[in-house]
């Protein structure tokens, strides 16, 4: 199968979609060469899906890290304010 034929076959896989290609493979309806190409195509889809998931997970982790730093800074700012409030309260009562 030449490169053009492989490209055309992959295009037909794209048109069929993942689920239909999996069903065709389960039935053994492709010849051995097309089966290898279809399995490689499915592997590429899975790799793409995994890479996208990893990017999304990394973005979530970065957002959580930023939120944690924001909370830590807010806590650091709140400590002296609380101390001042305690001192004022003590002086007001005394």
PDB file of N, CA and C in Angstrom:
ATOM      1  N   UNK A   1       0.867  -1.176   0.000  1.00  0.00           N
ATOM      2  CA  UNK A   1       0.000   0.000   0.000  1.00  0.00           C
ATOM      3  C   UNK A   1       0.906   1.230   0.000  1.00  0.00           C
ATOM      4  N   UNK A   2       0.770   2.099  -1.015  1.00  0.00           N
ATOM      5  CA  UNK A   2       1.612   3.286  -1.088  1.00  0.00           C
ATOM      6  C   UNK A   2       1.120   4.367  -0.120  1.00  0.00           C
ATOM      7  N   UNK A   3       1.917   5.433   0.027  1.00  0.00           N
ATOM      8  CA  UNK A   3       1.600   6.495   0.984  1.00  0.00           C
ATOM      9  C   UNK A   3       0.246   7.141   0.720  1.00  0.00           C
ATOM     10  N   UNK A   4      -0.058   7.332  -0.544  1.00  0.00           N
ATOM     11  CA  UNK A   4      -1.345   7.949  -0.890  1.00  0.00           C
ATOM     12  C   UNK A   4      -2.506   7.054  -0.455  1.00  0.00           C
ATOM     13  N   UNK A   5      -2.367   5.760  -0.704  1.00  0.00           N
ATOM     14  CA  UNK A   5      -3.425   4.823  -0.311  1.00  0.00           C
ATOM     15  C   UNK A   5      -3.569   4.765   1.206  1.00  0.00           C
ATOM     16  N   UNK A   6      -2.448   4.834   1.908  1.00  0.00           N
ATOM     17  CA  UNK A   6      -2.494   4.837   3.382  1.00  0.00           C
ATOM     18  C   UNK A   6      -3.209   6.095   3.868  1.00  0.00           C
ATOM     19  N   UNK A   7      -2.855   7.244   3.277  1.00  0.00           N
ATOM     20  CA  UNK A   7      -3.513   8.501   3.654  1.00  0.00           C
ATOM     21  C   UNK A   7      -5.011   8.440   3.394  1.00  0.00           C
ATOM     22  N   UNK A   8      -5.392   7.889   2.270  1.00  0.00           N
ATOM     23  CA  UNK A   8      -6.816   7.760   1.944  1.00  0.00           C
ATOM     24  C   UNK A   8      -7.516   6.821   2.938  1.00  0.00           C
ATOM     25  N   UNK A   9      -6.841   5.739   3.286  1.00  0.00           N
ATOM     26  CA  UNK A   9      -7.426   4.803   4.244  1.00  0.00           C
ATOM     27  C   UNK A   9      -7.590   5.472   5.607  1.00  0.00           C
ATOM     28  N   UNK A  10      -6.579   6.225   6.040  1.00  0.00           N
ATOM     29  CA  UNK A  10      -6.684   6.941   7.317  1.00  0.00           C
ATOM     30  C   UNK A  10      -7.814   7.962   7.275  1.00  0.00           C
ATOM     31  N   UNK A  11      -7.983   8.600   6.126  1.00  0.00           N
ATOM     32  CA  UNK A  11      -9.092   9.552   5.968  1.00  0.00           C
ATOM     33  C   UNK A  11     -10.426   8.822   6.138  1.00  0.00           C
ATOM     34  N   UNK A  12     -10.511   7.615   5.570  1.00  0.00           N
ATOM     35  CA  UNK A  12     -11.758   6.853   5.721  1.00  0.00           C
ATOM     36  C   UNK A  12     -11.963   6.435   7.180  1.00  0.00           C
ATOM     37  N   UNK A  13     -10.866   6.196   7.902  1.00  0.00           N
ATOM     38  CA  UNK A  13     -10.990   5.873   9.328  1.00  0.00           C
ATOM     39  C   UNK A  13     -11.530   7.080  10.091  1.00  0.00           C
ATOM     40  N   UNK A  14     -10.993   8.263   9.759  1.00  0.00           N
ATOM     41  CA  UNK A  14     -11.493   9.491  10.390  1.00  0.00           C
ATOM     42  C   UNK A  14     -12.988   9.653  10.157  1.00  0.00           C
ATOM     43  N   UNK A  15     -13.421   9.380   8.933  1.00  0.00           N
ATOM     44  CA  UNK A  15     -14.836   9.527   8.594  1.00  0.00           C
ATOM     45  C   UNK A  15     -15.698   8.509   9.338  1.00  0.00           C
ATOM     46  N   UNK A  16     -15.193   7.306   9.514  1.00  0.00           N
ATOM     47  CA  UNK A  16     -15.949   6.264  10.224  1.00  0.00           C
ATOM     48  C   UNK A  16     -16.025   6.541  11.722  1.00  0.00           C
ATOM     49  N   UNK A  17     -14.943   7.027  12.264  1.00  0.00           N
ATOM     50  CA  UNK A  17     -14.907   7.309  13.690  1.00  0.00           C
ATOM     51  C   UNK A  17     -14.392   6.115  14.492  1.00  0.00           C
ATOM     52  N   UNK A  18     -13.975   6.427  15.690  1.00  0.00           N
ATOM     53  CA  UNK A  18     -13.318   5.442  16.542  1.00  0.00           C
ATOM     54  C   UNK A  18     -14.180   4.214  16.827  1.00  0.00           C
ATOM     55  N   UNK A  19     -15.412   4.412  17.216  1.00  0.00           N
ATOM     56  CA  UNK A  19     -16.254   3.274  17.597  1.00  0.00           C
ATOM     57  C   UNK A  19     -16.493   2.315  16.435  1.00  0.00           C
ATOM     58  N   UNK A  20     -16.787   2.878  15.267  1.00  0.00           N
ATOM     59  CA  UNK A  20     -17.035   2.015  14.113  1.00  0.00           C
ATOM     60  C   UNK A  20     -15.762   1.270  13.707  1.00  0.00           C
ATOM     61  N   UNK A  21     -14.622   1.939  13.768  1.00  0.00           N
ATOM     62  CA  UNK A  21     -13.361   1.280  13.423  1.00  0.00           C
ATOM     63  C   UNK A  21     -13.093   0.135  14.394  1.00  0.00           C
ATOM     64  N   UNK A  22     -13.352   0.360  15.683  1.00  0.00           N
ATOM     65  CA  UNK A  22     -13.166  -0.713  16.672  1.00  0.00           C
ATOM     66  C   UNK A  22     -14.080  -1.915  16.360  1.00  0.00           C
ATOM     67  N   UNK A  23     -15.319  -1.634  15.966  1.00  0.00           N
ATOM     68  CA  UNK A  23     -16.236  -2.728  15.619  1.00  0.00           C
ATOM     69  C   UNK A  23     -15.741  -3.504  14.399  1.00  0.00           C
ATOM     70  N   UNK A  24     -15.247  -2.777  13.419  1.00  0.00           N
ATOM     71  CA  UNK A  24     -14.729  -3.435  12.210  1.00  0.00           C
ATOM     72  C   UNK A  24     -13.531  -4.318  12.573  1.00  0.00           C
ATOM     73  N   UNK A  25     -12.647  -3.801  13.422  1.00  0.00           N
ATOM     74  CA  UNK A  25     -11.487  -4.591  13.846  1.00  0.00           C
ATOM     75  C   UNK A  25     -11.922  -5.830  14.618  1.00  0.00           C
ATOM     76  N   UNK A  26     -12.927  -5.680  15.476  1.00  0.00           N
ATOM     77  CA  UNK A  26     -13.418  -6.835  16.240  1.00  0.00           C
ATOM     78  C   UNK A  26     -13.945  -7.930  15.317  1.00  0.00           C
ATOM     79  N   UNK A  27     -14.561  -7.517  14.226  1.00  0.00           N
ATOM     80  CA  UNK A  27     -15.083  -8.501  13.265  1.00  0.00           C
ATOM     81  C   UNK A  27     -13.988  -9.078  12.382  1.00  0.00           C
ATOM     82  N   UNK A  28     -12.801  -8.469  12.400  1.00  0.00           N
ATOM     83  CA  UNK A  28     -11.714  -8.936  11.548  1.00  0.00           C
ATOM     84  C   UNK A  28     -11.960  -8.652  10.080  1.00  0.00           C
ATOM     85  N   UNK A  29     -12.650  -7.541   9.796  1.00  0.00           N
ATOM     86  CA  UNK A  29     -13.054  -7.239   8.422  1.00  0.00           C
ATOM     87  C   UNK A  29     -11.946  -6.600   7.582  1.00  0.00           C
ATOM     88  N   UNK A  30     -10.875  -6.118   8.210  1.00  0.00           N
ATOM     89  CA  UNK A  30      -9.766  -5.536   7.458  1.00  0.00           C
ATOM     90  C   UNK A  30      -8.723  -6.609   7.162  1.00  0.00           C
ATOM     91  N   UNK A  31      -8.014  -6.427   6.056  1.00  0.00           N
ATOM     92  CA  UNK A  31      -6.883  -7.321   5.784  1.00  0.00           C
ATOM     93  C   UNK A  31      -5.764  -6.992   6.781  1.00  0.00           C
ATOM     94  N   UNK A  32      -4.737  -7.827   6.901  1.00  0.00           N
ATOM     95  CA  UNK A  32      -3.693  -7.603   7.909  1.00  0.00           C
ATOM     96  C   UNK A  32      -3.018  -6.233   7.831  1.00  0.00           C
ATOM     97  N   UNK A  33      -2.754  -5.757   6.615  1.00  0.00           N
ATOM     98  CA  UNK A  33      -2.099  -4.453   6.476  1.00  0.00           C
ATOM     99  C   UNK A  33      -3.012  -3.329   6.967  1.00  0.00           C
ATOM    100  N   UNK A  34      -4.269  -3.373   6.558  1.00  0.00           N
ATOM    101  CA  UNK A  34      -5.217  -2.347   7.014  1.00  0.00           C
ATOM    102  C   UNK A  34      -5.481  -2.463   8.512  1.00  0.00           C
ATOM    103  N   UNK A  35      -5.441  -3.671   9.034  1.00  0.00           N
ATOM    104  CA  UNK A  35      -5.613  -3.859  10.485  1.00  0.00           C
ATOM    105  C   UNK A  35      -4.481  -3.155  11.231  1.00  0.00           C
ATOM    106  N   UNK A  36      -3.241  -3.319  10.770  1.00  0.00           N
ATOM    107  CA  UNK A  36      -2.103  -2.653  11.413  1.00  0.00           C
ATOM    108  C   UNK A  36      -2.248  -1.137  11.354  1.00  0.00           C
ATOM    109  N   UNK A  37      -2.669  -0.640  10.203  1.00  0.00           N
ATOM    110  CA  UNK A  37      -2.846   0.807  10.044  1.00  0.00           C
ATOM    111  C   UNK A  37      -3.960   1.302  10.966  1.00  0.00           C
ATOM    112  N   UNK A  38      -5.072   0.578  11.013  1.00  0.00           N
ATOM    113  CA  UNK A  38      -6.196   0.989  11.863  1.00  0.00           C
ATOM    114  C   UNK A  38      -5.802   0.946  13.331  1.00  0.00           C
ATOM    115  N   UNK A  39      -5.063  -0.072  13.742  1.00  0.00           N
ATOM    116  CA  UNK A  39      -4.620  -0.149  15.137  1.00  0.00           C
ATOM    117  C   UNK A  39      -3.666   0.987  15.475  1.00  0.00           C
ATOM    118  N   UNK A  40      -2.772   1.326  14.551  1.00  0.00           N
ATOM    119  CA  UNK A  40      -1.864   2.462  14.757  1.00  0.00           C
ATOM    120  C   UNK A  40      -2.663   3.763  14.842  1.00  0.00           C
ATOM    121  N   UNK A  41      -3.694   3.884  14.023  1.00  0.00           N
ATOM    122  CA  UNK A  41      -4.564   5.068  14.034  1.00  0.00           C
ATOM    123  C   UNK A  41      -5.251   5.198  15.388  1.00  0.00           C
ATOM    124  N   UNK A  42      -5.752   4.079  15.911  1.00  0.00           N
ATOM    125  CA  UNK A  42      -6.384   4.094  17.234  1.00  0.00           C
ATOM    126  C   UNK A  42      -5.374   4.460  18.324  1.00  0.00           C
ATOM    127  N   UNK A  43      -4.153   3.943  18.206  1.00  0.00           N
ATOM    128  CA  UNK A  43      -3.102   4.292  19.170  1.00  0.00           C
ATOM    129  C   UNK A  43      -2.807   5.782  19.144  1.00  0.00           C
ATOM    130  N   UNK A  44      -2.773   6.365  17.947  1.00  0.00           N
ATOM    131  CA  UNK A  44      -2.543   7.808  17.822  1.00  0.00           C
ATOM    132  C   UNK A  44      -3.664   8.596  18.487  1.00  0.00           C
ATOM    133  N   UNK A  45      -4.900   8.146  18.304  1.00  0.00           N
ATOM    134  CA  UNK A  45      -6.026   8.818  18.965  1.00  0.00           C
ATOM    135  C   UNK A  45      -5.874   8.773  20.477  1.00  0.00           C
ATOM    136  N   UNK A  46      -5.500   7.610  20.992  1.00  0.00           N
ATOM    137  CA  UNK A  46      -5.325   7.441  22.430  1.00  0.00           C
ATOM    138  C   UNK A  46      -4.176   8.316  22.947  1.00  0.00           C
ATOM    139  N   UNK A  47      -3.084   8.363  22.195  1.00  0.00           N
ATOM    140  CA  UNK A  47      -1.957   9.215  22.581  1.00  0.00           C
ATOM    141  C   UNK A  47      -2.372  10.677  22.621  1.00  0.00           C
ATOM    142  N   UNK A  48      -3.137  11.099  21.627  1.00  0.00           N
ATOM    143  CA  UNK A  48      -3.616  12.483  21.580  1.00  0.00           C
ATOM    144  C   UNK A  48      -4.532  12.767  22.766  1.00  0.00           C
ATOM    145  N   UNK A  49      -5.413  11.849  23.056  1.00  0.00           N
ATOM    146  CA  UNK A  49      -6.332  11.989  24.192  1.00  0.00           C
ATOM    147  C   UNK A  49      -5.541  12.074  25.502  1.00  0.00           C
ATOM    148  N   UNK A  50      -4.529  11.225  25.634  1.00  0.00           N
ATOM    149  CA  UNK A  50      -3.716  11.211  26.856  1.00  0.00           C
ATOM    150  C   UNK A  50      -2.943  12.521  26.998  1.00  0.00           C
ATOM    151  N   UNK A  51      -2.363  13.006  25.914  1.00  0.00           N
ATOM    152  CA  UNK A  51      -1.612  14.258  25.957  1.00  0.00           C
ATOM    153  C   UNK A  51      -2.524  15.415  26.351  1.00  0.00           C
ATOM    154  N   UNK A  52      -3.739  15.440  25.805  1.00  0.00           N
ATOM    155  CA  UNK A  52      -4.694  16.489  26.141  1.00  0.00           C
ATOM    156  C   UNK A  52      -5.054  16.423  27.623  1.00  0.00           C
ATOM    157  N   UNK A  53      -5.261  15.213  28.125  1.00  0.00           N
ATOM    158  CA  UNK A  53      -5.582  15.022  29.526  1.00  0.00           C
ATOM    159  C   UNK A  53      -4.440  15.494  30.428  1.00  0.00           C
ATOM    160  N   UNK A  54      -3.220  15.182  30.028  1.00  0.00           N
ATOM    161  CA  UNK A  54      -2.059  15.610  30.811  1.00  0.00           C
ATOM    162  C   UNK A  54      -1.944  17.133  30.831  1.00  0.00           C
ATOM    163  N   UNK A  55      -2.185  17.783  29.693  1.00  0.00           N
ATOM    164  CA  UNK A  55      -2.138  19.251  29.647  1.00  0.00           C
ATOM    165  C   UNK A  55      -3.209  19.841  30.551  1.00  0.00           C
ATOM    166  N   UNK A  56      -4.412  19.277  30.528  1.00  0.00           N
ATOM    167  CA  UNK A  56      -5.493  19.768  31.373  1.00  0.00           C
ATOM    168  C   UNK A  56      -5.167  19.564  32.847  1.00  0.00           C
ATOM    169  N   UNK A  57      -4.590  18.418  33.183  1.00  0.00           N
ATOM    170  CA  UNK A  57      -4.208  18.151  34.574  1.00  0.00           C
ATOM    171  C   UNK A  57      -3.140  19.135  35.037  1.00  0.00           C
ATOM    172  N   UNK A  58      -2.184  19.414  34.183  1.00  0.00           N
ATOM    173  CA  UNK A  58      -1.135  20.363  34.526  1.00  0.00           C
ATOM    174  C   UNK A  58      -1.723  21.752  34.744  1.00  0.00           C
ATOM    175  N   UNK A  59      -2.664  22.144  33.901  1.00  0.00           N
ATOM    176  CA  UNK A  59      -3.295  23.454  34.049  1.00  0.00           C
ATOM    177  C   UNK A  59      -4.066  23.532  35.361  1.00  0.00           C
ATOM    178  N   UNK A  60      -4.765  22.473  35.723  1.00  0.00           N
ATOM    179  CA  UNK A  60      -5.498  22.435  36.990  1.00  0.00           C
ATOM    180  C   UNK A  60      -4.533  22.538  38.160  1.00  0.00           C
ATOM    181  N   UNK A  61      -3.417  21.818  38.080  1.00  0.00           N
ATOM    182  CA  UNK A  61      -2.419  21.864  39.148  1.00  0.00           C
ATOM    183  C   UNK A  61      -1.834  23.266  39.287  1.00  0.00           C
ATOM    184  N   UNK A  62      -1.567  23.932  38.169  1.00  0.00           N
ATOM    185  CA  UNK A  62      -1.048  25.299  38.224  1.00  0.00           C
ATOM    186  C   UNK A  62      -2.060  26.246  38.850  1.00  0.00           C
ATOM    187  N   UNK A  63      -3.325  26.072  38.511  1.00  0.00           N
ATOM    188  CA  UNK A  63      -4.373  26.917  39.090  1.00  0.00           C
ATOM    189  C   UNK A  63      -4.491  26.682  40.592  1.00  0.00           C
ATOM    190  N   UNK A  64      -4.419  25.423  41.003  1.00  0.00           N
ATOM    191  CA  UNK A  64      -4.488  25.101  42.433  1.00  0.00           C
ATOM    192  C   UNK A  64      -3.292  25.685  43.172  1.00  0.00           C
ATOM    193  N   UNK A  65      -2.131  25.630  42.554  1.00  0.00           N
ATOM    194  CA  UNK A  65      -0.935  26.202  43.161  1.00  0.00           C
ATOM    195  C   UNK A  65      -1.091  27.711  43.334  1.00  0.00           C
ATOM    196  N   UNK A  66      -1.600  28.378  42.319  1.00  0.00           N
ATOM    197  CA  UNK A  66      -1.815  29.827  42.402  1.00  0.00           C
ATOM    198  C   UNK A  66      -2.822  30.163  43.501  1.00  0.00           C
ATOM    199  N   UNK A  67      -3.875  29.367  43.605  1.00  0.00           N
ATOM    200  CA  UNK A  67      -4.878  29.597  44.647  1.00  0.00           C
ATOM    201  C   UNK A  67      -4.271  29.392  46.035  1.00  0.00           C
ATOM    202  N   UNK A  68      -3.416  28.384  46.181  1.00  0.00           N
ATOM    203  CA  UNK A  68      -2.770  28.130  47.470  1.00  0.00           C
ATOM    204  C   UNK A  68      -1.863  29.297  47.864  1.00  0.00           C
ATOM    205  N   UNK A  69      -1.105  29.825  46.896  1.00  0.00           N
ATOM    206  CA  UNK A  69      -0.250  30.970  47.197  1.00  0.00           C
ATOM    207  C   UNK A  69      -1.083  32.193  47.573  1.00  0.00           C
ATOM    208  N   UNK A  70      -2.178  32.399  46.901  1.00  0.00           N
ATOM    209  CA  UNK A  70      -3.054  33.525  47.224  1.00  0.00           C
ATOM    210  C   UNK A  70      -3.587  33.397  48.645  1.00  0.00           C
ATOM    211  N   UNK A  71      -3.998  32.196  49.022  1.00  0.00           N
ATOM    212  CA  UNK A  71      -4.500  31.963  50.383  1.00  0.00           C
ATOM    213  C   UNK A  71      -3.399  32.173  51.418  1.00  0.00           C
ATOM    214  N   UNK A  72      -2.194  31.723  51.109  1.00  0.00           N
ATOM    215  CA  UNK A  72      -1.077  31.896  52.046  1.00  0.00           C
ATOM    216  C   UNK A  72      -0.759  33.373  52.249  1.00  0.00           C
ATOM    217  N   UNK A  73      -0.747  34.127  51.161  1.00  0.00           N
ATOM    218  CA  UNK A  73      -0.475  35.565  51.268  1.00  0.00           C
ATOM    219  C   UNK A  73      -1.578  36.260  52.063  1.00  0.00           C
ATOM    220  N   UNK A  74      -2.826  35.884  51.825  1.00  0.00           N
ATOM    221  CA  UNK A  74      -3.938  36.471  52.578  1.00  0.00           C
ATOM    222  C   UNK A  74      -3.791  36.157  54.071  1.00  0.00           C
ATOM    223  N   UNK A  75      -3.372  34.947  54.400  1.00  0.00           N
ATOM    224  CA  UNK A  75      -3.181  34.576  55.808  1.00  0.00           C
ATOM    225  C   UNK A  75      -2.053  35.388  56.426  1.00  0.00           C
ATOM    226  N   UNK A  76      -0.971  35.578  55.690  1.00  0.00           N
ATOM    227  CA  UNK A  76       0.157  36.363  56.209  1.00  0.00           C
ATOM    228  C   UNK A  76      -0.262  37.808  56.465  1.00  0.00           C
ATOM    229  N   UNK A  77      -1.088  38.350  55.600  1.00  0.00           N
ATOM    230  CA  UNK A  77      -1.595  39.720  55.780  1.00  0.00           C
ATOM    231  C   UNK A  77      -2.568  39.774  56.958  1.00  0.00           C
ATOM    232  N   UNK A  78      -3.339  38.744  57.153  1.00  0.00           N
ATOM    233  CA  UNK A  78      -4.344  38.732  58.219  1.00  0.00           C
ATOM    234  C   UNK A  78      -3.718  38.661  59.607  1.00  0.00           C
ATOM    235  N   UNK A  79      -2.546  38.047  59.732  1.00  0.00           N
ATOM    236  CA  UNK A  79      -1.931  37.876  61.051  1.00  0.00           C
ATOM    237  C   UNK A  79      -1.646  39.226  61.723  1.00  0.00           C
ATOM    238  N   UNK A  80      -0.946  40.171  61.081  1.00  0.00           N
ATOM    239  CA  UNK A  80      -0.714  41.447  61.769  1.00  0.00           C
ATOM    240  C   UNK A  80      -2.006  42.222  62.041  1.00  0.00           C
ATOM    241  N   UNK A  81      -2.973  42.081  61.161  1.00  0.00           N
ATOM    242  CA  UNK A  81      -4.263  42.756  61.393  1.00  0.00           C
ATOM    243  C   UNK A  81      -4.918  42.183  62.650  1.00  0.00           C
ATOM    244  N   UNK A  82      -4.871  40.887  62.811  1.00  0.00           N
ATOM    245  CA  UNK A  82      -5.437  40.250  63.997  1.00  0.00           C
ATOM    246  C   UNK A  82      -4.686  40.682  65.255  1.00  0.00           C
ATOM    247  N   UNK A  83      -3.367  40.789  65.159  1.00  0.00           N
ATOM    248  CA  UNK A  83      -2.582  41.231  66.325  1.00  0.00           C
ATOM    249  C   UNK A  83      -2.948  42.652  66.708  1.00  0.00           C
ATOM    250  N   UNK A  84      -3.074  43.532  65.727  1.00  0.00           N
ATOM    251  CA  UNK A  84      -3.480  44.913  66.000  1.00  0.00           C
ATOM    252  C   UNK A  84      -4.864  44.937  66.641  1.00  0.00           C
ATOM    253  N   UNK A  85      -5.772  44.109  66.136  1.00  0.00           N
ATOM    254  CA  UNK A  85      -7.125  44.063  66.710  1.00  0.00           C
ATOM    255  C   UNK A  85      -7.083  43.588  68.160  1.00  0.00           C
ATOM    256  N   UNK A  86      -6.250  42.622  68.456  1.00  0.00           N
ATOM    257  CA  UNK A  86      -6.129  42.125  69.841  1.00  0.00           C
ATOM    258  C   UNK A  86      -5.580  43.222  70.740  1.00  0.00           C
ATOM    259  N   UNK A  87      -4.549  43.918  70.270  1.00  0.00           N
ATOM    260  CA  UNK A  87      -3.946  44.998  71.076  1.00  0.00           C
ATOM    261  C   UNK A  87      -4.974  46.105  71.334  1.00  0.00           C
ATOM    262  N   UNK A  88      -5.688  46.518  70.307  1.00  0.00           N
ATOM    263  CA  UNK A  88      -6.717  47.577  70.469  1.00  0.00           C
ATOM    264  C   UNK A  88      -7.794  47.092  71.438  1.00  0.00           C
ATOM    265  N   UNK A  89      -8.212  45.843  71.292  1.00  0.00           N
ATOM    266  CA  UNK A  89      -9.221  45.299  72.203  1.00  0.00           C
ATOM    267  C   UNK A  89      -8.725  45.289  73.629  1.00  0.00           C
ATOM    268  N   UNK A  90      -7.482  44.902  73.842  1.00  0.00           N
ATOM    269  CA  UNK A  90      -6.890  44.872  75.184  1.00  0.00           C
ATOM    270  C   UNK A  90      -6.820  46.256  75.774  1.00  0.00           C
ATOM    271  N   UNK A  91      -6.385  47.237  74.956  1.00  0.00           N
ATOM    272  CA  UNK A  91      -6.281  48.628  75.450  1.00  0.00           C
ATOM    273  C   UNK A  91      -7.654  49.210  75.740  1.00  0.00           C
ATOM    274  N   UNK A  92      -8.648  48.841  74.925  1.00  0.00           N
ATOM    275  CA  UNK A  92      -9.990  49.363  75.137  1.00  0.00           C
ATOM    276  C   UNK A  92     -10.606  48.839  76.431  1.00  0.00           C
ATOM    277  N   UNK A  93     -10.269  47.613  76.802  1.00  0.00           N
ATOM    278  CA  UNK A  93     -10.813  47.008  78.017  1.00  0.00           C
ATOM    279  C   UNK A  93     -10.044  47.452  79.250  1.00  0.00           C
ATOM    280  N   UNK A  94      -8.792  47.788  79.090  1.00  0.00           N
ATOM    281  CA  UNK A  94      -7.947  48.067  80.237  1.00  0.00           C
ATOM    282  C   UNK A  94      -8.011  49.446  80.673  1.00  0.00           C
TER     283      UNK A  94
END
